[in-house]
C-alpha atoms as a PDB file:
ATOM      1  CA  UNK A   1      -0.055  -0.014   0.177  1.00  0.00           C
ATOM      2  CA  UNK A   2       1.517   3.440  -1.174  1.00  0.00           C
ATOM      3  CA  UNK A   3       2.259   5.318   2.367  1.00  0.00           C
ATOM      4  CA  UNK A   4       0.316   8.329   1.251  1.00  0.00           C
ATOM      5  CA  UNK A   5      -2.891   6.172   1.274  1.00  0.00           C
ATOM      6  CA  UNK A   6      -4.778   5.235   4.705  1.00  0.00           C
ATOM      7  CA  UNK A   7      -6.336   1.613   4.835  1.00  0.00           C
ATOM      8  CA  UNK A   8      -9.467   2.698   3.734  1.00  0.00           C
ATOM      9  CA  UNK A   9      -8.308   4.496   0.512  1.00  0.00           C
ATOM     10  CA  UNK A  10      -8.844   7.829   1.514  1.00  0.00           C
ATOM     11  CA  UNK A  11      -5.564   9.401   0.796  1.00  0.00           C
ATOM     12  CA  UNK A  12      -3.519  11.539   3.735  1.00  0.00           C
ATOM     13  CA  UNK A  13      -1.979  14.834   2.729  1.00  0.00           C
ATOM     14  CA  UNK A  14       2.011  14.614   2.637  1.00  0.00           C
ATOM     15  CA  UNK A  15       3.886  17.320   4.339  1.00  0.00           C
ATOM     16  CA  UNK A  16       7.450  18.403   4.186  1.00  0.00           C
ATOM     17  CA  UNK A  17       9.662  20.508   6.822  1.00  0.00           C
ATOM     18  CA  UNK A  18      12.413  23.039   6.131  1.00  0.00           C
ATOM     19  CA  UNK A  19      14.042  25.015   8.785  1.00  0.00           C
ATOM     20  CA  UNK A  20      17.308  27.299   7.882  1.00  0.00           C
ATOM     21  CA  UNK A  21      19.270  28.566  10.400  1.00  0.00           C
ATOM     22  CA  UNK A  22      16.824  27.599  13.320  1.00  0.00           C
ATOM     23  CA  UNK A  23      14.720  31.058  11.951  1.00  0.00           C
ATOM     24  CA  UNK A  24      12.705  30.565   9.143  1.00  0.00           C
ATOM     25  CA  UNK A  25      10.280  27.513   8.983  1.00  0.00           C
ATOM     26  CA  UNK A  26       8.447  26.412   6.135  1.00  0.00           C
ATOM     27  CA  UNK A  27       5.781  23.592   6.022  1.00  0.00           C
ATOM     28  CA  UNK A  28       3.588  22.071   3.672  1.00  0.00           C
ATOM     29  CA  UNK A  29       0.827  19.736   4.026  1.00  0.00           C
ATOM     30  CA  UNK A  30      -1.409  21.921   6.766  1.00  0.00           C
ATOM     31  CA  UNK A  31      -4.927  21.296   7.422  1.00  0.00           C
ATOM     32  CA  UNK A  32      -5.204  23.699  10.046  1.00  0.00           C
ATOM     33  CA  UNK A  33      -3.611  26.573  12.699  1.00  0.00           C
ATOM     34  CA  UNK A  34      -5.183  25.589  15.879  1.00  0.00           C
ATOM     35  CA  UNK A  35      -3.187  27.751  18.635  1.00  0.00           C
ATOM     36  CA  UNK A  36      -0.625  30.309  17.836  1.00  0.00           C
ATOM     37  CA  UNK A  37       1.104  33.076  20.180  1.00  0.00           C
ATOM     38  CA  UNK A  38       4.582  34.172  20.085  1.00  0.00           C
ATOM     39  CA  UNK A  39       6.188  31.139  21.684  1.00  0.00           C
ATOM     40  CA  UNK A  40       4.504  28.085  20.452  1.00  0.00           C
ATOM     41  CA  UNK A  41       1.784  27.024  17.599  1.00  0.00           C
ATOM     42  CA  UNK A  42       0.274  24.093  17.268  1.00  0.00           C
ATOM     43  CA  UNK A  43      -0.970  23.046  13.599  1.00  0.00           C
ATOM     44  CA  UNK A  44      -2.688  20.246  12.324  1.00  0.00           C
ATOM     45  CA  UNK A  45      -1.411  17.980   9.732  1.00  0.00           C
ATOM     46  CA  UNK A  46      -3.600  15.392   8.126  1.00  0.00           C
ATOM     47  CA  UNK A  47      -3.186  12.485  10.826  1.00  0.00           C
ATOM     48  CA  UNK A  48      -0.669  14.035  13.579  1.00  0.00           C
ATOM     49  CA  UNK A  49      -0.489  17.755  15.375  1.00  0.00           C
ATOM     50  CA  UNK A  50       2.720  19.435  15.001  1.00  0.00           C
ATOM     51  CA  UNK A  51       4.286  22.346  17.953  1.00  0.00           C
ATOM     52  CA  UNK A  52       6.755  24.454  17.271  1.00  0.00           C
ATOM     53  CA  UNK A  53       8.195  25.892  20.144  1.00  0.00           C
ATOM     54  CA  UNK A  54      10.175  29.151  20.213  1.00  0.00           C
ATOM     55  CA  UNK A  55      10.139  32.783  20.764  1.00  0.00           C
ATOM     56  CA  UNK A  56       9.465  35.933  18.976  1.00  0.00           C
ATOM     57  CA  UNK A  57       7.627  33.327  16.774  1.00  0.00           C
ATOM     58  CA  UNK A  58       5.139  35.025  13.830  1.00  0.00           C
ATOM     59  CA  UNK A  59       3.546  33.702  10.965  1.00  0.00           C
ATOM     60  CA  UNK A  60       4.447  35.647   7.792  1.00  0.00           C
ATOM     61  CA  UNK A  61       2.651  33.435   5.094  1.00  0.00           C
ATOM     62  CA  UNK A  62      -0.597  31.454   5.557  1.00  0.00           C
ATOM     63  CA  UNK A  63      -2.924  29.695   2.802  1.00  0.00           C
ATOM     64  CA  UNK A  64      -4.607  26.694   4.172  1.00  0.00           C
ATOM     65  CA  UNK A  65      -6.004  26.352   1.070  1.00  0.00           C
ATOM     66  CA  UNK A  66      -2.762  25.411  -0.401  1.00  0.00           C
ATOM     67  CA  UNK A  67      -1.842  24.070   3.379  1.00  0.00           C
ATOM     68  CA  UNK A  68       0.943  26.263   3.555  1.00  0.00           C
ATOM     69  CA  UNK A  69       2.467  27.864   6.718  1.00  0.00           C
ATOM     70  CA  UNK A  70       5.558  30.017   7.005  1.00  0.00           C
ATOM     71  CA  UNK A  71       7.388  31.143  10.361  1.00  0.00           C
ATOM     72  CA  UNK A  72       9.835  33.331  11.031  1.00  0.00           C
ATOM     73  CA  UNK A  73      11.622  33.799  14.848  1.00  0.00           C
ATOM     74  CA  UNK A  74      13.806  31.290  16.793  1.00  0.00           C
ATOM     75  CA  UNK A  75      12.922  27.827  16.593  1.00  0.00           C
ATOM     76  CA  UNK A  76      13.281  25.757  19.662  1.00  0.00           C
ATOM     77  CA  UNK A  77      11.879  22.996  19.014  1.00  0.00           C
ATOM     78  CA  UNK A  78       9.199  21.123  17.059  1.00  0.00           C
ATOM     79  CA  UNK A  79       7.164  18.302  18.287  1.00  0.00           C
ATOM     80  CA  UNK A  80       4.572  15.615  16.559  1.00  0.00           C
ATOM     81  CA  UNK A  81       1.637  14.211  18.674  1.00  0.00           C
ATOM     82  CA  UNK A  82      -0.967  12.094  17.489  1.00  0.00           C
ATOM     83  CA  UNK A  83      -4.597  13.371  17.430  1.00  0.00           C
ATOM     84  CA  UNK A  84      -5.455  11.505  20.667  1.00  0.00           C
ATOM     85  CA  UNK A  85      -2.340  13.255  22.435  1.00  0.00           C
ATOM     86  CA  UNK A  86      -3.565  17.088  21.317  1.00  0.00           C
ATOM     87  CA  UNK A  87      -6.235  17.311  23.906  1.00  0.00           C
ATOM     88  CA  UNK A  88      -3.627  16.908  26.788  1.00  0.00           C
ATOM     89  CA  UNK A  89      -1.489  19.481  24.889  1.00  0.00           C
ATOM     90  CA  UNK A  90      -4.177  21.872  24.322  1.00  0.00           C
ATOM     91  CA  UNK A  91      -4.859  21.497  28.109  1.00  0.00           C
ATOM     92  CA  UNK A  92      -1.338  22.542  29.006  1.00  0.00           C
ATOM     93  CA  UNK A  93      -1.325  24.953  26.332  1.00  0.00           C
ATOM     94  CA  UNK A  94      -4.119  26.718  28.304  1.00  0.00           C
ATOM     95  CA  UNK A  95      -3.457  26.407  31.657  1.00  0.00           C
END
């Protein structure tokens, strides 16, 4: 089975990440922006959530229809989590 297909033949949107000098982040395959502030972005990809932590983060380009986001700032970490873990993550963000 091709890696970009789910078992029920629904195609998943592939995603790509490019981080340049820890300051410019480009992501394709974006489905939605869940949360954003100067220190954390939480993004929904096809089957997982992506958390980007850093300082002075700001979105320079966002096109949800094309699935593209570009971010500038100091990126300290990038972490994937499954859809089941997203509720726990959101609870921690909004304490």
